[in-house]
Amino acid sequence: MPSIIKSFLKPSVDNPALLAVFVRSLTDQYRQAFPASRGFMVESEERKVRNSTWWVIRILHGHFGGMAIQLAPGLSLAHEIRITSATISRFEMFLQKAAAVLALLLLLPFGLVALFVLHRLGFVLLLGAPVYFVLAAVLVGIGTGIARLFSKFDHHFDEHTTKFALALADRLPLPHSLQPSDAASAAQPVSQPLNAMPQRTGMWPWRGLHDA
């Protein structure tokens, strides 16, 4: 997975807010490089993982094309930021969510039967949880594989595009201090939650589709 590493000057409690400012600037640059007039959509999302903050910037085109730029704390040094690129698409996100729901629907009848027989809810949940996660992981993997096959129908994302996106992130310097306006903007949500599929007015996927 292609990646680069950037570093703040030192570990600091301000680094998450500084990273939010950096993500906003990088997102703006991506919106200029991948304009909506050409059918692209750029969206950023903050994720809390344990005690750390991750960011994902998605650059999407149509249903089958896209990539995700992930910004996460470094593995060895807390003030390092590891920026990686991965393939993503609206279709892939839709299939991943559908796979999680399908796994739940497949296990629900067995769970109800086990609960009726054993009359022990805790035991059924303890036994069913790992089975659900394994089944969901398998279905998500299948959905991801299908989406990657369909990604060949979109020719906007290749190795050159990945290198270009990472080069933009590499050239953009990390901020080293917070301005009052930066602190206020960092506290605000970056964007609305991203819909897995665009809005539609006709029969999916061939008619009436509108990119967000």
Protein backbone atom coordinates (compact mmCIF):
# COMPACT_ATOMS: atom_id res chain seq x y z
CA MET A 1 0.00 0.00 0.00
CA PRO A 2 1.64 3.29 -1.10
CA SER A 3 2.40 5.61 1.81
CA ILE A 4 4.39 8.59 3.04
CA ILE A 5 5.28 9.80 6.55
CA LYS A 6 5.14 13.38 7.83
CA SER A 7 6.05 14.61 11.30
CA PHE A 8 5.04 17.39 13.63
CA LEU A 9 7.85 19.17 15.47
CA LYS A 10 7.20 17.24 18.69
CA PRO A 11 4.46 15.39 20.59
CA SER A 12 1.79 17.88 21.66
CA VAL A 13 -1.85 17.98 22.74
CA ASP A 14 -2.39 20.42 19.85
CA ASN A 15 -1.37 17.89 17.20
CA PRO A 16 -4.90 16.45 16.64
CA ALA A 17 -6.22 19.98 16.02
CA LEU A 18 -3.24 20.76 13.78
CA LEU A 19 -3.93 17.57 11.85
CA ALA A 20 -7.55 18.67 11.37
CA VAL A 21 -6.30 21.96 9.88
CA PHE A 22 -3.95 20.03 7.59
CA VAL A 23 -6.77 17.74 6.46
CA ARG A 24 -8.95 20.75 5.59
CA SER A 25 -6.17 22.27 3.50
CA LEU A 26 -5.39 18.97 1.79
CA THR A 27 -9.08 18.36 1.08
CA ASP A 28 -9.31 21.79 -0.56
CA GLN A 29 -6.30 20.97 -2.76
CA TYR A 30 -7.86 17.66 -3.79
CA ARG A 31 -11.10 19.44 -4.69
CA GLN A 32 -9.12 21.70 -7.00
CA ALA A 33 -7.23 18.80 -8.55
CA PHE A 34 -10.34 16.60 -8.83
CA PRO A 35 -13.15 19.10 -9.56
CA ALA A 36 -16.84 18.33 -9.29
CA SER A 37 -17.26 19.62 -12.86
CA ARG A 38 -15.46 16.47 -14.03
CA GLY A 39 -17.64 14.19 -11.94
CA PHE A 40 -15.41 13.85 -8.86
CA MET A 41 -16.45 14.16 -5.24
CA VAL A 42 -13.98 14.76 -2.40
CA GLU A 43 -15.09 14.13 1.18
CA SER A 44 -13.21 13.91 4.48
CA GLU A 45 -14.19 12.00 7.60
CA GLU A 46 -12.77 11.94 11.13
CA ARG A 47 -12.50 8.63 12.95
CA LYS A 48 -11.76 8.01 16.61
CA VAL A 49 -9.76 4.82 17.18
CA ARG A 50 -9.14 4.22 20.88
CA ASN A 51 -7.19 7.28 22.04
CA SER A 52 -6.05 8.42 18.60
CA THR A 53 -7.63 10.37 15.75
CA TRP A 54 -7.61 9.12 12.17
CA TRP A 55 -8.79 10.89 9.04
CA VAL A 56 -9.95 9.54 5.71
CA ILE A 57 -10.23 11.65 2.56
CA ARG A 58 -12.24 9.94 -0.17
CA ILE A 59 -11.90 10.93 -3.82
CA LEU A 60 -14.77 9.30 -5.70
CA HIS A 61 -15.86 9.22 -9.32
CA GLY A 62 -19.12 7.65 -10.46
CA HIS A 63 -20.02 4.33 -8.88
CA PHE A 64 -16.91 2.28 -9.47
CA GLY A 65 -13.92 4.62 -9.23
CA GLY A 66 -12.16 6.18 -6.27
CA MET A 67 -9.40 6.12 -3.73
CA ALA A 68 -9.11 6.79 -0.01
CA ILE A 69 -6.28 8.77 1.55
CA GLN A 70 -5.92 7.73 5.18
CA LEU A 71 -4.03 9.83 7.73
CA ALA A 72 -3.18 7.98 10.94
CA PRO A 73 -0.71 8.36 13.81
CA GLY A 74 2.64 6.67 13.24
CA LEU A 75 3.34 3.27 14.74
CA SER A 76 6.60 4.23 16.44
CA LEU A 77 6.39 7.98 17.14
CA ALA A 78 3.23 9.70 18.33
CA HIS A 79 3.96 12.93 16.44
CA GLU A 80 4.38 11.14 13.12
CA ILE A 81 1.53 10.96 10.60
CA ARG A 82 1.38 8.05 8.20
CA ILE A 83 -0.50 8.84 4.98
CA THR A 84 -1.58 5.87 2.88
CA SER A 85 -3.65 5.37 -0.26
CA ALA A 86 -6.13 2.59 -0.98
CA THR A 87 -8.77 1.78 -3.58
CA ILE A 88 -12.38 2.57 -2.67
CA SER A 89 -15.64 3.27 -4.50
CA ARG A 90 -19.28 3.97 -3.78
CA PHE A 91 -20.13 0.47 -4.99
CA GLU A 92 -17.57 -1.08 -2.64
CA MET A 93 -18.88 0.83 0.37
CA PHE A 94 -22.43 -0.21 -0.51
CA LEU A 95 -21.44 -3.89 -0.77
CA GLN A 96 -19.53 -3.76 2.52
CA LYS A 97 -22.54 -2.36 4.37
CA ALA A 98 -24.83 -4.87 2.66
CA ALA A 99 -22.49 -7.70 3.67
CA ALA A 100 -22.66 -6.71 7.34
CA VAL A 101 -26.47 -6.62 7.21
CA LEU A 102 -26.64 -9.92 5.32
CA ALA A 103 -24.44 -11.65 7.90
CA LEU A 104 -26.80 -10.50 10.64
CA LEU A 105 -29.87 -11.70 8.74
CA LEU A 106 -28.28 -15.09 8.07
CA LEU A 107 -27.44 -15.66 11.74
CA LEU A 108 -30.65 -14.27 13.20
CA PRO A 109 -32.79 -17.43 12.69
CA PHE A 110 -30.10 -19.65 14.23
CA GLY A 111 -29.79 -17.25 17.16
CA LEU A 112 -33.52 -17.30 17.79
CA VAL A 113 -33.60 -21.11 17.68
CA ALA A 114 -30.64 -21.34 20.05
CA LEU A 115 -32.27 -18.86 22.42
CA PHE A 116 -35.54 -20.83 22.35
CA VAL A 117 -33.72 -24.10 23.10
CA LEU A 118 -31.14 -22.92 25.62
CA HIS A 119 -33.01 -20.02 27.27
CA ARG A 120 -29.66 -18.35 27.93
CA LEU A 121 -29.30 -15.03 26.12
CA GLY A 122 -25.77 -14.35 27.36
CA PHE A 123 -24.48 -17.69 26.13
CA VAL A 124 -26.12 -17.24 22.73
CA LEU A 125 -24.60 -13.77 22.32
CA LEU A 126 -21.19 -14.99 23.47
CA LEU A 127 -21.27 -17.81 20.96
CA GLY A 128 -22.87 -15.86 18.13
CA ALA A 129 -20.70 -12.73 18.22
CA PRO A 130 -17.47 -14.32 16.92
CA VAL A 131 -19.43 -16.30 14.32
CA TYR A 132 -21.04 -13.08 13.12
CA PHE A 133 -17.74 -11.24 12.81
CA VAL A 134 -16.14 -14.12 10.90
CA LEU A 135 -19.10 -14.41 8.54
CA ALA A 136 -19.26 -10.64 8.07
CA ALA A 137 -15.52 -10.54 7.31
CA VAL A 138 -15.90 -13.25 4.68
CA LEU A 139 -18.87 -11.52 3.04
CA VAL A 140 -17.12 -8.14 3.14
CA GLY A 141 -14.08 -9.71 1.49
CA ILE A 142 -16.27 -11.16 -1.26
CA GLY A 143 -18.01 -7.81 -1.74
CA THR A 144 -14.67 -6.01 -1.91
CA GLY A 145 -13.42 -8.45 -4.54
CA ILE A 146 -16.53 -7.91 -6.66
CA ALA A 147 -16.18 -4.13 -6.35
CA ARG A 148 -12.52 -4.29 -7.43
CA LEU A 149 -13.58 -6.14 -10.57
CA PHE A 150 -16.12 -3.41 -11.37
CA SER A 151 -13.48 -0.72 -10.71
CA LYS A 152 -11.97 -1.62 -14.08
CA PHE A 153 -14.92 0.19 -15.68
CA ASP A 154 -13.58 3.50 -14.30
CA HIS A 155 -10.29 4.67 -15.80
CA HIS A 156 -9.69 7.76 -13.68
CA PHE A 157 -7.62 6.08 -10.95
CA ASP A 158 -4.34 4.31 -11.54
CA GLU A 159 -0.80 4.24 -10.15
CA HIS A 160 -0.09 7.70 -11.56
CA THR A 161 -3.15 9.14 -9.81
CA THR A 162 -2.10 7.58 -6.51
CA LYS A 163 1.41 9.03 -6.77
CA PHE A 164 -0.04 12.43 -7.65
CA ALA A 165 -2.40 12.42 -4.64
CA LEU A 166 0.39 11.40 -2.25
CA ALA A 167 2.74 13.99 -3.76
CA LEU A 168 0.20 16.72 -3.00
CA ALA A 169 0.03 15.55 0.62
CA ASP A 170 3.82 15.38 0.79
CA ARG A 171 4.32 18.92 -0.54
CA LEU A 172 1.75 20.47 1.78
CA PRO A 173 3.50 21.39 5.07
CA LEU A 174 2.05 20.47 8.42
CA PRO A 175 1.00 23.49 10.50
CA HIS A 176 3.12 24.05 13.61
CA SER A 177 0.88 26.40 15.59
CA LEU A 178 -2.83 27.02 15.99
CA GLN A 179 -4.35 30.34 15.05
CA PRO A 180 -7.65 31.33 16.76
CA SER A 181 -9.53 30.74 13.50
CA ASP A 182 -7.87 27.33 13.12
CA ALA A 183 -8.89 26.25 16.61
CA ALA A 184 -12.50 27.22 15.94
CA SER A 185 -12.63 25.47 12.57
CA ALA A 186 -10.96 22.32 13.93
CA ALA A 187 -13.76 21.95 16.46
CA GLN A 188 -16.40 21.94 13.73
CA PRO A 189 -17.37 18.81 11.79
CA VAL A 190 -15.62 18.62 8.44
CA SER A 191 -18.52 17.25 6.45
CA GLN A 192 -21.76 15.40 6.54
CA PRO A 193 -21.66 11.59 6.58
CA LEU A 194 -20.95 10.17 3.17
CA ASN A 195 -23.73 8.23 1.48
CA ALA A 196 -22.59 4.85 0.20
CA MET A 197 -24.44 5.38 -3.07
CA PRO A 198 -25.46 8.61 -4.85
CA GLN A 199 -29.03 9.81 -5.04
CA ARG A 200 -31.13 8.27 -7.79
CA THR A 201 -34.38 8.93 -9.54
CA GLY A 202 -34.53 5.93 -11.88
CA MET A 203 -33.67 2.25 -11.90
CA TRP A 204 -30.21 1.64 -10.44
CA PRO A 205 -27.56 1.59 -11.77
CA TRP A 206 -28.21 2.70 -15.30
CA ARG A 207 -30.59 5.68 -15.12
CA GLY A 208 -31.09 8.91 -13.24
CA LEU A 209 -27.94 8.82 -11.12
CA HIS A 210 -26.57 12.06 -9.72
CA ASP A 211 -23.24 12.36 -7.98
CA ALA A 212 -23.34 14.12 -4.66
